[in-house]
Protein backbone atom coordinates (compact mmCIF):
# COMPACT_ATOMS: atom_id res chain seq x y z
CA MET A 1 71.07 105.21 112.35
CA PRO A 2 69.76 108.24 114.23
CA HIS A 3 68.89 111.49 112.49
CA GLN A 4 72.14 113.34 111.72
CA LYS A 5 72.81 116.98 110.84
CA MET A 6 75.91 119.10 110.19
CA THR A 7 75.73 122.88 109.85
CA TRP A 8 78.39 125.23 108.50
CA THR A 9 78.06 128.95 109.13
CA GLY A 10 80.03 131.95 107.98
CA GLY A 11 79.63 135.61 107.32
CA MET A 12 80.47 139.11 108.42
CA PRO A 13 80.80 140.58 111.91
CA LEU A 14 77.69 141.86 113.69
CA GLY A 15 75.45 139.65 111.56
CA LEU A 16 75.70 142.03 108.58
CA PHE A 17 75.75 138.98 106.31
CA LYS A 18 75.42 135.33 107.25
CA GLY A 19 75.45 132.08 105.30
CA VAL A 20 74.25 128.79 106.75
CA ARG A 21 74.69 125.49 104.92
CA THR A 22 73.05 122.43 106.49
CA PHE A 23 73.67 118.80 105.52
CA THR A 24 71.08 116.35 106.85
CA LEU A 25 70.84 112.55 106.82
CA THR A 26 67.36 111.17 107.53
CA PRO A 27 66.54 107.45 107.72
CA ARG A 28 63.70 106.44 105.37
CA GLY A 29 63.04 102.75 105.96
CA ASP A 30 66.08 100.86 104.65
CA GLN A 31 67.41 103.95 102.86
CA VAL A 32 68.85 107.29 103.93
CA GLU A 33 67.75 110.64 102.50
CA PHE A 34 70.45 113.30 102.14
CA THR A 35 69.54 116.98 101.92
CA LEU A 36 71.69 120.06 101.52
CA HIS A 37 70.08 123.40 102.36
CA GLU A 38 71.66 126.85 102.13
CA VAL A 39 70.29 130.13 103.53
CA PHE A 40 71.73 133.63 103.36
CA SER A 41 70.57 136.49 105.56
CA GLY A 42 71.50 139.86 107.04
CA PRO A 43 71.14 143.54 106.23
CA MET A 44 73.88 143.40 103.56
CA LEU A 45 72.25 140.52 101.68
CA ALA A 46 70.73 142.93 99.15
CA LEU A 47 74.22 144.22 98.30
CA ILE A 48 76.11 140.93 98.46
CA GLY A 49 73.41 138.53 97.24
CA GLY A 50 73.95 139.30 93.57
CA SER A 51 77.64 138.39 93.78
CA ILE A 52 77.08 134.95 95.33
CA PRO A 53 77.83 132.36 92.63
CA ASP A 54 75.20 129.80 91.66
CA MET A 55 76.48 126.59 93.24
CA SER A 56 73.67 124.37 91.90
CA GLU A 57 75.87 122.45 89.46
CA ALA A 58 78.67 121.96 92.00
CA PHE A 59 76.18 120.81 94.64
CA GLN A 60 74.59 118.39 92.17
CA LYS A 61 78.00 116.87 91.35
CA PHE A 62 78.76 116.62 95.08
CA VAL A 63 75.48 114.80 95.75
CA GLU A 64 75.99 112.44 92.81
CA GLY A 65 79.50 111.60 94.02
CA LEU A 66 78.25 111.07 97.57
CA LYS A 67 75.54 108.71 96.26
CA ARG A 68 78.08 106.69 94.24
CA ARG A 69 80.38 106.30 97.26
CA ALA A 70 77.54 105.42 99.63
CA GLU A 71 76.25 102.72 97.29
CA ALA A 72 79.69 101.24 96.54
């Protein structure tokens, strides 16, 4: 399986605020490593950043569910 990546982007016009979420699959021998990385940027980040919810628990549940399905 070749290296695979999917990127979602969203934000405000003129780059005032931007969010980028990247999902990556990387072969590691006979296994595959999955990573999820999220980055926020832009001049309005200081104002908006505090209102962005902590998605750690939701992301963890997503990854656990993905692992269960992949191994089934």
